[in-house]
């Protein structure tokens, strides 16, 4: 069994575009769940609007790419306002139900044949990433190798832009959560009544956090659309939100780097057993009696068991602080 080859594949996932996408989703969820205590189960809906904002404006309405980016971010923020106004004055579970339902409704609307002229329905949209690729200093037809990991030029460019964006957002979250505004968010998470007694408008702070985290989720959708150069409605399924939650819990909620480390480890820990099991089932005398489809499912089972064990023995996550978890009502 080639361990070195498996590690190279896993490390490619550790720093690859998928890790960036889920890091962006998890950073937004961290503002919602980690710092404010909001249960958003529809983060992928914000990513959907971000991605389709780019695709629809550039492909359907022939607008410049920057217009599509602004529209995608604005649409994600608007969704947060629409969902937050009727639910944030109620219990946390109402927001959870509203967000997961909204994300699924949006997915079904965008894949509907009635919206084919605008969204491309089940065929999706493509052909809009040209302006983004134009700025790349890397050759699209060339493969670049780093420590045995190989990436095509367009992916190297997307990773450079994506990790830069993640770094900027981490600095932004670090400064934001240590400001008076951030301290109010933590107070709201720990005890809403106590925050109200100090004269804080809890509803406004929660709405601001929901909008900000939703816009960051929209950035994730925009990045994914530009990196894959296509948008397909069935990609934006509810399971993507729970993958992002898994990354957040793995790294540690209410920490600046927790969502990023969690997203990187999430894909690393998925790739390692996948690569090893695929080697074990290859050849005329396989070591494991599994099919390709069963290998794909088994890796998620193994990762799920690992996350459950982590929640038992270290509920604050790898980088989290137990004090934050104990205070999170």
C-alpha atoms as a PDB file:
ATOM      1  CA  UNK A   1       0.000   0.000   0.000  1.00  0.00           C
ATOM      2  CA  UNK A   2       1.441   3.356  -1.067  1.00  0.00           C
ATOM      3  CA  UNK A   3       1.206   5.569   2.038  1.00  0.00           C
ATOM      4  CA  UNK A   4       3.174   8.419   0.459  1.00  0.00           C
ATOM      5  CA  UNK A   5       0.773   8.641  -2.476  1.00  0.00           C
ATOM      6  CA  UNK A   6      -2.210   8.659  -0.111  1.00  0.00           C
ATOM      7  CA  UNK A   7      -0.653  11.453   1.952  1.00  0.00           C
ATOM      8  CA  UNK A   8       0.010  13.507  -1.174  1.00  0.00           C
ATOM      9  CA  UNK A   9      -3.647  13.184  -2.182  1.00  0.00           C
ATOM     10  CA  UNK A  10      -4.777  14.101   1.346  1.00  0.00           C
ATOM     11  CA  UNK A  11      -2.482  17.140   1.568  1.00  0.00           C
ATOM     12  CA  UNK A  12      -3.781  18.311  -1.811  1.00  0.00           C
ATOM     13  CA  UNK A  13      -7.270  18.288  -0.286  1.00  0.00           C
ATOM     14  CA  UNK A  14      -5.932  20.000   2.853  1.00  0.00           C
ATOM     15  CA  UNK A  15      -4.997  23.149   0.902  1.00  0.00           C
ATOM     16  CA  UNK A  16      -7.256  22.708  -2.118  1.00  0.00           C
ATOM     17  CA  UNK A  17     -10.283  24.708  -3.313  1.00  0.00           C
ATOM     18  CA  UNK A  18     -12.792  22.531  -1.426  1.00  0.00           C
ATOM     19  CA  UNK A  19     -11.149  23.397   1.896  1.00  0.00           C
ATOM     20  CA  UNK A  20     -11.347  27.095   0.986  1.00  0.00           C
ATOM     21  CA  UNK A  21     -15.052  26.877   0.136  1.00  0.00           C
ATOM     22  CA  UNK A  22     -15.969  25.180   3.404  1.00  0.00           C
ATOM     23  CA  UNK A  23     -13.675  27.483   5.376  1.00  0.00           C
ATOM     24  CA  UNK A  24     -15.653  30.457   4.042  1.00  0.00           C
ATOM     25  CA  UNK A  25     -18.964  28.804   4.907  1.00  0.00           C
ATOM     26  CA  UNK A  26     -17.667  27.915   8.379  1.00  0.00           C
ATOM     27  CA  UNK A  27     -16.356  31.442   9.053  1.00  0.00           C
ATOM     28  CA  UNK A  28     -19.861  32.774   8.407  1.00  0.00           C
ATOM     29  CA  UNK A  29     -21.381  30.063  10.599  1.00  0.00           C
ATOM     30  CA  UNK A  30     -18.876  30.928  13.305  1.00  0.00           C
ATOM     31  CA  UNK A  31     -20.250  34.466  13.492  1.00  0.00           C
ATOM     32  CA  UNK A  32     -23.754  33.010  13.695  1.00  0.00           C
ATOM     33  CA  UNK A  33     -23.331  30.026  15.984  1.00  0.00           C
ATOM     34  CA  UNK A  34     -19.962  30.485  17.670  1.00  0.00           C
ATOM     35  CA  UNK A  35     -20.149  34.155  18.621  1.00  0.00           C
ATOM     36  CA  UNK A  36     -23.890  34.933  18.635  1.00  0.00           C
ATOM     37  CA  UNK A  37     -25.521  31.572  19.351  1.00  0.00           C
ATOM     38  CA  UNK A  38     -27.709  31.610  16.216  1.00  0.00           C
ATOM     39  CA  UNK A  39     -28.690  28.266  14.702  1.00  0.00           C
ATOM     40  CA  UNK A  40     -28.399  28.718  10.940  1.00  0.00           C
ATOM     41  CA  UNK A  41     -28.997  25.407   9.160  1.00  0.00           C
ATOM     42  CA  UNK A  42     -29.242  27.008   5.723  1.00  0.00           C
ATOM     43  CA  UNK A  43     -25.806  28.525   5.137  1.00  0.00           C
ATOM     44  CA  UNK A  44     -25.662  26.872   1.720  1.00  0.00           C
ATOM     45  CA  UNK A  45     -28.642  29.026   0.685  1.00  0.00           C
ATOM     46  CA  UNK A  46     -26.493  32.141   1.095  1.00  0.00           C
ATOM     47  CA  UNK A  47     -23.770  30.481  -0.985  1.00  0.00           C
ATOM     48  CA  UNK A  48     -26.355  29.624  -3.638  1.00  0.00           C
ATOM     49  CA  UNK A  49     -27.403  33.263  -3.968  1.00  0.00           C
ATOM     50  CA  UNK A  50     -23.777  34.378  -4.112  1.00  0.00           C
ATOM     51  CA  UNK A  51     -22.932  31.939  -6.881  1.00  0.00           C
ATOM     52  CA  UNK A  52     -26.084  32.499  -8.887  1.00  0.00           C
ATOM     53  CA  UNK A  53     -25.727  36.258  -8.482  1.00  0.00           C
ATOM     54  CA  UNK A  54     -22.499  36.001 -10.457  1.00  0.00           C
ATOM     55  CA  UNK A  55     -23.848  33.502 -12.989  1.00  0.00           C
ATOM     56  CA  UNK A  56     -27.168  35.177 -13.717  1.00  0.00           C
ATOM     57  CA  UNK A  57     -25.784  38.690 -14.040  1.00  0.00           C
ATOM     58  CA  UNK A  58     -22.892  37.686 -16.306  1.00  0.00           C
ATOM     59  CA  UNK A  59     -24.486  34.929 -18.415  1.00  0.00           C
ATOM     60  CA  UNK A  60     -28.173  35.871 -18.534  1.00  0.00           C
ATOM     61  CA  UNK A  61     -27.933  39.658 -18.389  1.00  0.00           C
ATOM     62  CA  UNK A  62     -24.437  40.120 -19.880  1.00  0.00           C
ATOM     63  CA  UNK A  63     -23.148  42.317 -17.077  1.00  0.00           C
ATOM     64  CA  UNK A  64     -19.505  42.641 -15.943  1.00  0.00           C
ATOM     65  CA  UNK A  65     -18.213  40.149 -13.427  1.00  0.00           C
ATOM     66  CA  UNK A  66     -17.857  42.737 -10.663  1.00  0.00           C
ATOM     67  CA  UNK A  67     -21.556  43.574 -10.997  1.00  0.00           C
ATOM     68  CA  UNK A  68     -22.407  39.906 -10.525  1.00  0.00           C
ATOM     69  CA  UNK A  69     -20.216  39.719  -7.412  1.00  0.00           C
ATOM     70  CA  UNK A  70     -21.925  42.749  -5.880  1.00  0.00           C
ATOM     71  CA  UNK A  71     -25.377  41.383  -6.739  1.00  0.00           C
ATOM     72  CA  UNK A  72     -24.504  37.999  -5.213  1.00  0.00           C
ATOM     73  CA  UNK A  73     -23.315  39.556  -1.970  1.00  0.00           C
ATOM     74  CA  UNK A  74     -26.335  41.871  -1.824  1.00  0.00           C
ATOM     75  CA  UNK A  75     -28.718  38.948  -2.423  1.00  0.00           C
ATOM     76  CA  UNK A  76     -27.115  36.965   0.413  1.00  0.00           C
ATOM     77  CA  UNK A  77     -27.451  39.936   2.759  1.00  0.00           C
ATOM     78  CA  UNK A  78     -31.072  40.482   1.717  1.00  0.00           C
ATOM     79  CA  UNK A  79     -31.908  36.840   2.410  1.00  0.00           C
ATOM     80  CA  UNK A  80     -30.509  37.239   5.922  1.00  0.00           C
ATOM     81  CA  UNK A  81     -32.711  40.289   6.522  1.00  0.00           C
ATOM     82  CA  UNK A  82     -35.807  38.543   5.155  1.00  0.00           C
ATOM     83  CA  UNK A  83     -35.224  35.495   7.342  1.00  0.00           C
ATOM     84  CA  UNK A  84     -34.053  37.378  10.409  1.00  0.00           C
ATOM     85  CA  UNK A  85     -36.815  39.961  10.828  1.00  0.00           C
ATOM     86  CA  UNK A  86     -39.636  37.478  11.545  1.00  0.00           C
ATOM     87  CA  UNK A  87     -37.569  34.859  13.418  1.00  0.00           C
ATOM     88  CA  UNK A  88     -34.877  36.521  15.538  1.00  0.00           C
ATOM     89  CA  UNK A  89     -37.383  37.761  18.114  1.00  0.00           C
ATOM     90  CA  UNK A  90     -38.450  34.147  18.675  1.00  0.00           C
ATOM     91  CA  UNK A  91     -36.640  31.072  19.997  1.00  0.00           C
ATOM     92  CA  UNK A  92     -33.478  29.851  18.279  1.00  0.00           C
ATOM     93  CA  UNK A  93     -35.157  26.824  16.726  1.00  0.00           C
ATOM     94  CA  UNK A  94     -37.430  29.053  14.599  1.00  0.00           C
ATOM     95  CA  UNK A  95     -34.374  30.476  12.823  1.00  0.00           C
ATOM     96  CA  UNK A  96     -33.005  26.966  12.292  1.00  0.00           C
ATOM     97  CA  UNK A  97     -36.260  25.820  10.685  1.00  0.00           C
ATOM     98  CA  UNK A  98     -36.591  28.963   8.567  1.00  0.00           C
ATOM     99  CA  UNK A  99     -33.025  28.837   7.226  1.00  0.00           C
ATOM    100  CA  UNK A 100     -33.000  25.158   6.302  1.00  0.00           C
ATOM    101  CA  UNK A 101     -36.394  25.518   4.618  1.00  0.00           C
ATOM    102  CA  UNK A 102     -35.337  28.671   2.745  1.00  0.00           C
ATOM    103  CA  UNK A 103     -32.168  27.020   1.429  1.00  0.00           C
ATOM    104  CA  UNK A 104     -34.100  24.041   0.091  1.00  0.00           C
ATOM    105  CA  UNK A 105     -36.863  26.215  -1.408  1.00  0.00           C
ATOM    106  CA  UNK A 106     -34.262  28.346  -3.191  1.00  0.00           C
ATOM    107  CA  UNK A 107     -32.558  25.252  -4.588  1.00  0.00           C
ATOM    108  CA  UNK A 108     -35.843  23.932  -5.966  1.00  0.00           C
ATOM    109  CA  UNK A 109     -36.767  27.316  -7.453  1.00  0.00           C
ATOM    110  CA  UNK A 110     -33.411  27.698  -9.198  1.00  0.00           C
ATOM    111  CA  UNK A 111     -33.576  24.173 -10.645  1.00  0.00           C
ATOM    112  CA  UNK A 112     -37.186  24.554 -11.791  1.00  0.00           C
ATOM    113  CA  UNK A 113     -37.779  24.385 -15.536  1.00  0.00           C
ATOM    114  CA  UNK A 114     -39.946  27.503 -15.206  1.00  0.00           C
ATOM    115  CA  UNK A 115     -36.757  29.445 -14.380  1.00  0.00           C
ATOM    116  CA  UNK A 116     -34.723  27.907 -17.209  1.00  0.00           C
ATOM    117  CA  UNK A 117     -34.326  31.163 -19.144  1.00  0.00           C
ATOM    118  CA  UNK A 118     -32.727  32.837 -16.112  1.00  0.00           C
ATOM    119  CA  UNK A 119     -31.031  30.115 -14.048  1.00  0.00           C
ATOM    120  CA  UNK A 120     -30.462  27.371 -16.617  1.00  0.00           C
ATOM    121  CA  UNK A 121     -32.596  25.104 -14.390  1.00  0.00           C
ATOM    122  CA  UNK A 122     -31.084  21.594 -14.041  1.00  0.00           C
ATOM    123  CA  UNK A 123     -28.370  22.367 -16.596  1.00  0.00           C
ATOM    124  CA  UNK A 124     -27.005  25.217 -14.483  1.00  0.00           C
ATOM    125  CA  UNK A 125     -24.867  28.072 -15.757  1.00  0.00           C
ATOM    126  CA  UNK A 126     -21.333  28.191 -17.086  1.00  0.00           C
ATOM    127  CA  UNK A 127     -19.040  30.352 -19.198  1.00  0.00           C
ATOM    128  CA  UNK A 128     -18.851  33.290 -16.771  1.00  0.00           C
ATOM    129  CA  UNK A 129     -15.408  32.780 -15.171  1.00  0.00           C
ATOM    130  CA  UNK A 130     -13.387  34.097 -18.119  1.00  0.00           C
ATOM    131  CA  UNK A 131     -12.693  37.537 -16.606  1.00  0.00           C
ATOM    132  CA  UNK A 132     -11.519  35.908 -13.370  1.00  0.00           C
ATOM    133  CA  UNK A 133      -9.173  33.514 -15.207  1.00  0.00           C
ATOM    134  CA  UNK A 134      -7.823  36.361 -17.341  1.00  0.00           C
ATOM    135  CA  UNK A 135      -6.092  37.879 -14.311  1.00  0.00           C
ATOM    136  CA  UNK A 136      -4.299  34.610 -13.528  1.00  0.00           C
ATOM    137  CA  UNK A 137      -0.491  34.711 -13.819  1.00  0.00           C
ATOM    138  CA  UNK A 138      -0.483  30.910 -14.160  1.00  0.00           C
ATOM    139  CA  UNK A 139      -0.763  28.918 -17.372  1.00  0.00           C
ATOM    140  CA  UNK A 140      -4.167  27.214 -17.522  1.00  0.00           C
ATOM    141  CA  UNK A 141      -2.823  24.302 -19.569  1.00  0.00           C
ATOM    142  CA  UNK A 142       0.122  23.618 -17.269  1.00  0.00           C
ATOM    143  CA  UNK A 143       0.327  21.526 -14.116  1.00  0.00           C
ATOM    144  CA  UNK A 144       2.222  22.883 -11.135  1.00  0.00           C
ATOM    145  CA  UNK A 145       3.817  20.493  -8.649  1.00  0.00           C
ATOM    146  CA  UNK A 146       4.521  21.180  -4.981  1.00  0.00           C
ATOM    147  CA  UNK A 147       5.838  18.417  -2.684  1.00  0.00           C
ATOM    148  CA  UNK A 148       4.343  15.832  -5.015  1.00  0.00           C
ATOM    149  CA  UNK A 149       0.937  17.566  -5.120  1.00  0.00           C
ATOM    150  CA  UNK A 150      -0.177  18.627  -8.592  1.00  0.00           C
ATOM    151  CA  UNK A 151      -2.598  21.432  -9.439  1.00  0.00           C
ATOM    152  CA  UNK A 152      -3.575  22.929 -12.776  1.00  0.00           C
ATOM    153  CA  UNK A 153      -2.870  26.624 -13.276  1.00  0.00           C
ATOM    154  CA  UNK A 154      -6.463  27.766 -12.817  1.00  0.00           C
ATOM    155  CA  UNK A 155      -6.708  25.945  -9.484  1.00  0.00           C
ATOM    156  CA  UNK A 156      -3.447  27.495  -8.284  1.00  0.00           C
ATOM    157  CA  UNK A 157      -4.858  30.944  -9.097  1.00  0.00           C
ATOM    158  CA  UNK A 158      -8.142  30.150  -7.342  1.00  0.00           C
ATOM    159  CA  UNK A 159      -6.263  28.862  -4.287  1.00  0.00           C
ATOM    160  CA  UNK A 160      -4.089  31.987  -4.149  1.00  0.00           C
ATOM    161  CA  UNK A 161      -7.151  34.245  -4.279  1.00  0.00           C
ATOM    162  CA  UNK A 162      -9.182  32.009  -1.958  1.00  0.00           C
ATOM    163  CA  UNK A 163      -6.618  31.680   0.821  1.00  0.00           C
ATOM    164  CA  UNK A 164      -5.937  35.406   0.638  1.00  0.00           C
ATOM    165  CA  UNK A 165      -9.656  36.036   1.122  1.00  0.00           C
ATOM    166  CA  UNK A 166      -9.745  33.585   4.045  1.00  0.00           C
ATOM    167  CA  UNK A 167      -6.769  35.332   5.681  1.00  0.00           C
ATOM    168  CA  UNK A 168      -8.398  38.762   5.275  1.00  0.00           C
ATOM    169  CA  UNK A 169     -11.660  37.491   6.772  1.00  0.00           C
ATOM    170  CA  UNK A 170      -9.816  35.931   9.722  1.00  0.00           C
ATOM    171  CA  UNK A 171      -8.172  39.262  10.494  1.00  0.00           C
ATOM    172  CA  UNK A 172     -11.558  40.961  10.073  1.00  0.00           C
ATOM    173  CA  UNK A 173     -13.254  38.527  12.478  1.00  0.00           C
ATOM    174  CA  UNK A 174     -10.372  38.869  14.957  1.00  0.00           C
ATOM    175  CA  UNK A 175     -10.734  42.655  15.046  1.00  0.00           C
ATOM    176  CA  UNK A 176     -14.518  42.551  14.999  1.00  0.00           C
ATOM    177  CA  UNK A 177     -14.970  40.103  17.857  1.00  0.00           C
ATOM    178  CA  UNK A 178     -12.578  42.056  20.064  1.00  0.00           C
ATOM    179  CA  UNK A 179     -14.430  45.307  19.480  1.00  0.00           C
ATOM    180  CA  UNK A 180     -17.324  46.528  21.672  1.00  0.00           C
ATOM    181  CA  UNK A 181     -19.689  45.169  19.014  1.00  0.00           C
ATOM    182  CA  UNK A 182     -18.131  41.723  19.279  1.00  0.00           C
ATOM    183  CA  UNK A 183     -18.336  41.731  23.061  1.00  0.00           C
ATOM    184  CA  UNK A 184     -22.063  42.488  22.821  1.00  0.00           C
ATOM    185  CA  UNK A 185     -22.469  39.478  20.501  1.00  0.00           C
ATOM    186  CA  UNK A 186     -20.886  37.235  23.125  1.00  0.00           C
ATOM    187  CA  UNK A 187     -23.123  38.761  25.787  1.00  0.00           C
ATOM    188  CA  UNK A 188     -26.170  37.997  23.625  1.00  0.00           C
ATOM    189  CA  UNK A 189     -24.971  34.424  23.180  1.00  0.00           C
ATOM    190  CA  UNK A 190     -24.455  33.929  26.903  1.00  0.00           C
ATOM    191  CA  UNK A 191     -27.581  35.646  28.235  1.00  0.00           C
ATOM    192  CA  UNK A 192     -29.983  37.685  26.086  1.00  0.00           C
ATOM    193  CA  UNK A 193     -31.901  38.980  29.093  1.00  0.00           C
ATOM    194  CA  UNK A 194     -28.748  40.295  30.735  1.00  0.00           C
ATOM    195  CA  UNK A 195     -27.779  42.065  27.500  1.00  0.00           C
ATOM    196  CA  UNK A 196     -31.239  43.660  27.279  1.00  0.00           C
ATOM    197  CA  UNK A 197     -31.006  44.786  30.887  1.00  0.00           C
ATOM    198  CA  UNK A 198     -27.871  46.730  29.947  1.00  0.00           C
ATOM    199  CA  UNK A 199     -29.795  48.605  27.254  1.00  0.00           C
ATOM    200  CA  UNK A 200     -28.598  46.619  24.237  1.00  0.00           C
ATOM    201  CA  UNK A 201     -30.975  46.045  21.337  1.00  0.00           C
ATOM    202  CA  UNK A 202     -30.505  42.289  21.094  1.00  0.00           C
ATOM    203  CA  UNK A 203     -32.600  41.932  17.943  1.00  0.00           C
ATOM    204  CA  UNK A 204     -30.480  44.457  16.010  1.00  0.00           C
ATOM    205  CA  UNK A 205     -27.212  42.823  17.028  1.00  0.00           C
ATOM    206  CA  UNK A 206     -28.472  39.377  16.085  1.00  0.00           C
ATOM    207  CA  UNK A 207     -29.704  40.662  12.729  1.00  0.00           C
ATOM    208  CA  UNK A 208     -26.363  42.340  12.024  1.00  0.00           C
ATOM    209  CA  UNK A 209     -24.509  39.116  12.820  1.00  0.00           C
ATOM    210  CA  UNK A 210     -26.881  37.095  10.636  1.00  0.00           C
ATOM    211  CA  UNK A 211     -26.392  39.469   7.690  1.00  0.00           C
ATOM    212  CA  UNK A 212     -22.612  39.562   8.063  1.00  0.00           C
ATOM    213  CA  UNK A 213     -22.269  35.787   8.332  1.00  0.00           C
ATOM    214  CA  UNK A 214     -24.659  35.337   5.409  1.00  0.00           C
ATOM    215  CA  UNK A 215     -22.614  37.669   3.212  1.00  0.00           C
ATOM    216  CA  UNK A 216     -19.482  35.675   4.065  1.00  0.00           C
ATOM    217  CA  UNK A 217     -21.387  32.544   3.044  1.00  0.00           C
ATOM    218  CA  UNK A 218     -22.238  34.327  -0.209  1.00  0.00           C
ATOM    219  CA  UNK A 219     -18.504  34.931  -0.728  1.00  0.00           C
ATOM    220  CA  UNK A 220     -18.037  31.176  -0.440  1.00  0.00           C
ATOM    221  CA  UNK A 221     -20.621  30.628  -3.168  1.00  0.00           C
ATOM    222  CA  UNK A 222     -18.937  33.185  -5.415  1.00  0.00           C
ATOM    223  CA  UNK A 223     -15.529  31.585  -4.890  1.00  0.00           C
ATOM    224  CA  UNK A 224     -16.876  28.114  -5.660  1.00  0.00           C
ATOM    225  CA  UNK A 225     -18.609  29.344  -8.823  1.00  0.00           C
ATOM    226  CA  UNK A 226     -15.461  31.046 -10.131  1.00  0.00           C
ATOM    227  CA  UNK A 227     -13.215  28.113  -9.205  1.00  0.00           C
ATOM    228  CA  UNK A 228     -15.396  25.409 -10.761  1.00  0.00           C
ATOM    229  CA  UNK A 229     -16.469  27.744 -13.632  1.00  0.00           C
ATOM    230  CA  UNK A 230     -19.997  26.426 -13.347  1.00  0.00           C
ATOM    231  CA  UNK A 231     -23.088  26.556 -11.155  1.00  0.00           C
ATOM    232  CA  UNK A 232     -25.440  23.623 -10.686  1.00  0.00           C
ATOM    233  CA  UNK A 233     -28.454  23.817  -8.338  1.00  0.00           C
ATOM    234  CA  UNK A 234     -28.121  20.272  -7.014  1.00  0.00           C
ATOM    235  CA  UNK A 235     -24.692  21.069  -5.603  1.00  0.00           C
ATOM    236  CA  UNK A 236     -26.328  23.425  -3.088  1.00  0.00           C
ATOM    237  CA  UNK A 237     -27.948  20.682  -1.042  1.00  0.00           C
ATOM    238  CA  UNK A 238     -28.613  20.843   2.690  1.00  0.00           C
ATOM    239  CA  UNK A 239     -25.792  18.401   3.395  1.00  0.00           C
ATOM    240  CA  UNK A 240     -23.252  21.083   2.431  1.00  0.00           C
ATOM    241  CA  UNK A 241     -24.324  23.187   5.426  1.00  0.00           C
ATOM    242  CA  UNK A 242     -23.787  20.256   7.769  1.00  0.00           C
ATOM    243  CA  UNK A 243     -20.344  19.605   6.271  1.00  0.00           C
ATOM    244  CA  UNK A 244     -19.520  23.224   7.118  1.00  0.00           C
ATOM    245  CA  UNK A 245     -20.908  22.711  10.633  1.00  0.00           C
ATOM    246  CA  UNK A 246     -18.763  19.594  10.938  1.00  0.00           C
ATOM    247  CA  UNK A 247     -15.704  21.619   9.970  1.00  0.00           C
ATOM    248  CA  UNK A 248     -16.622  24.335  12.487  1.00  0.00           C
ATOM    249  CA  UNK A 249     -17.101  21.868  15.341  1.00  0.00           C
ATOM    250  CA  UNK A 250     -13.935  20.005  14.399  1.00  0.00           C
ATOM    251  CA  UNK A 251     -11.813  23.166  14.489  1.00  0.00           C
ATOM    252  CA  UNK A 252     -13.587  24.874  17.363  1.00  0.00           C
ATOM    253  CA  UNK A 253     -16.431  27.403  17.429  1.00  0.00           C
ATOM    254  CA  UNK A 254     -15.922  30.948  18.748  1.00  0.00           C
ATOM    255  CA  UNK A 255     -12.285  30.954  17.645  1.00  0.00           C
ATOM    256  CA  UNK A 256     -10.792  32.894  14.760  1.00  0.00           C
ATOM    257  CA  UNK A 257      -8.808  30.073  13.160  1.00  0.00           C
ATOM    258  CA  UNK A 258     -11.057  27.194  14.228  1.00  0.00           C
ATOM    259  CA  UNK A 259     -13.274  27.236  11.101  1.00  0.00           C
ATOM    260  CA  UNK A 260     -10.230  27.325   8.811  1.00  0.00           C
ATOM    261  CA  UNK A 261      -8.335  24.548  10.588  1.00  0.00           C
ATOM    262  CA  UNK A 262     -11.534  22.519  10.794  1.00  0.00           C
ATOM    263  CA  UNK A 263     -12.248  22.838   7.062  1.00  0.00           C
ATOM    264  CA  UNK A 264      -8.700  21.811   6.195  1.00  0.00           C
ATOM    265  CA  UNK A 265      -8.774  18.808   8.538  1.00  0.00           C
ATOM    266  CA  UNK A 266     -12.276  17.855   7.380  1.00  0.00           C
ATOM    267  CA  UNK A 267     -11.068  17.266   3.823  1.00  0.00           C
ATOM    268  CA  UNK A 268      -7.731  15.817   4.910  1.00  0.00           C
ATOM    269  CA  UNK A 269      -9.485  13.231   7.103  1.00  0.00           C
ATOM    270  CA  UNK A 270     -11.897  12.412   4.272  1.00  0.00           C
ATOM    271  CA  UNK A 271      -9.128  11.993   1.719  1.00  0.00           C
ATOM    272  CA  UNK A 272      -6.802   9.727   3.772  1.00  0.00           C
ATOM    273  CA  UNK A 273      -9.192   6.743   4.246  1.00  0.00           C
ATOM    274  CA  UNK A 274     -10.567   7.241   0.736  1.00  0.00           C
ATOM    275  CA  UNK A 275      -7.117   6.987  -0.858  1.00  0.00           C
ATOM    276  CA  UNK A 276      -6.083   4.008   1.297  1.00  0.00           C
ATOM    277  CA  UNK A 277      -9.331   2.090   0.773  1.00  0.00           C
ATOM    278  CA  UNK A 278      -9.228   2.663  -2.996  1.00  0.00           C
ATOM    279  CA  UNK A 279      -5.745   1.182  -3.042  1.00  0.00           C
ATOM    280  CA  UNK A 280      -7.026  -1.739  -0.956  1.00  0.00           C
ATOM    281  CA  UNK A 281      -9.816  -2.580  -3.410  1.00  0.00           C
ATOM    282  CA  UNK A 282      -7.663  -2.236  -6.535  1.00  0.00           C
ATOM    283  CA  UNK A 283      -6.006  -5.085  -8.383  1.00  0.00           C
ATOM    284  CA  UNK A 284      -6.943  -8.709  -8.979  1.00  0.00           C
ATOM    285  CA  UNK A 285      -6.678  -9.618  -5.257  1.00  0.00           C
ATOM    286  CA  UNK A 286      -8.321  -6.756  -3.302  1.00  0.00           C
ATOM    287  CA  UNK A 287      -7.775  -6.479   0.443  1.00  0.00           C
ATOM    288  CA  UNK A 288     -11.266  -5.116   1.112  1.00  0.00           C
ATOM    289  CA  UNK A 289     -14.542  -6.441  -0.379  1.00  0.00           C
ATOM    290  CA  UNK A 290     -15.901  -2.957  -1.154  1.00  0.00           C
ATOM    291  CA  UNK A 291     -17.117  -1.201  -4.279  1.00  0.00           C
ATOM    292  CA  UNK A 292     -16.174   2.354  -5.269  1.00  0.00           C
ATOM    293  CA  UNK A 293     -19.543   3.636  -4.056  1.00  0.00           C
ATOM    294  CA  UNK A 294     -19.138   1.867  -0.707  1.00  0.00           C
ATOM    295  CA  UNK A 295     -15.686   3.415  -0.247  1.00  0.00           C
ATOM    296  CA  UNK A 296     -17.186   6.876  -0.811  1.00  0.00           C
ATOM    297  CA  UNK A 297     -19.825   6.237   1.849  1.00  0.00           C
ATOM    298  CA  UNK A 298     -17.462   4.562   4.322  1.00  0.00           C
ATOM    299  CA  UNK A 299     -15.133   7.563   4.504  1.00  0.00           C
ATOM    300  CA  UNK A 300     -18.036   9.719   5.717  1.00  0.00           C
ATOM    301  CA  UNK A 301     -18.939   7.089   8.310  1.00  0.00           C
ATOM    302  CA  UNK A 302     -15.382   7.077   9.644  1.00  0.00           C
ATOM    303  CA  UNK A 303     -15.242  10.879   9.769  1.00  0.00           C
ATOM    304  CA  UNK A 304     -18.623  10.986  11.516  1.00  0.00           C
ATOM    305  CA  UNK A 305     -17.393   8.575  14.193  1.00  0.00           C
ATOM    306  CA  UNK A 306     -14.309  10.740  14.681  1.00  0.00           C
ATOM    307  CA  UNK A 307     -16.390  13.917  15.113  1.00  0.00           C
ATOM    308  CA  UNK A 308     -18.702  12.158  17.592  1.00  0.00           C
ATOM    309  CA  UNK A 309     -15.688  11.018  19.612  1.00  0.00           C
ATOM    310  CA  UNK A 310     -14.336  14.552  19.529  1.00  0.00           C
ATOM    311  CA  UNK A 311     -17.643  15.914  20.849  1.00  0.00           C
ATOM    312  CA  UNK A 312     -17.467  13.444  23.745  1.00  0.00           C
ATOM    313  CA  UNK A 313     -13.856  13.996  24.778  1.00  0.00           C
ATOM    314  CA  UNK A 314     -13.230  17.554  23.544  1.00  0.00           C
ATOM    315  CA  UNK A 315     -16.556  19.304  22.839  1.00  0.00           C
ATOM    316  CA  UNK A 316     -14.850  22.661  22.284  1.00  0.00           C
ATOM    317  CA  UNK A 317     -13.053  21.315  19.203  1.00  0.00           C
ATOM    318  CA  UNK A 318      -9.343  21.234  18.436  1.00  0.00           C
ATOM    319  CA  UNK A 319      -8.693  24.958  18.901  1.00  0.00           C
ATOM    320  CA  UNK A 320     -11.705  25.862  21.004  1.00  0.00           C
ATOM    321  CA  UNK A 321     -11.857  26.868  24.651  1.00  0.00           C
ATOM    322  CA  UNK A 322     -14.021  24.935  27.080  1.00  0.00           C
ATOM    323  CA  UNK A 323     -14.998  28.189  28.784  1.00  0.00           C
ATOM    324  CA  UNK A 324     -16.667  29.376  25.557  1.00  0.00           C
ATOM    325  CA  UNK A 325     -18.653  26.161  25.296  1.00  0.00           C
ATOM    326  CA  UNK A 326     -19.769  26.279  28.933  1.00  0.00           C
ATOM    327  CA  UNK A 327     -20.987  29.831  28.527  1.00  0.00           C
ATOM    328  CA  UNK A 328     -22.863  29.122  25.310  1.00  0.00           C
ATOM    329  CA  UNK A 329     -26.460  28.709  26.435  1.00  0.00           C
END
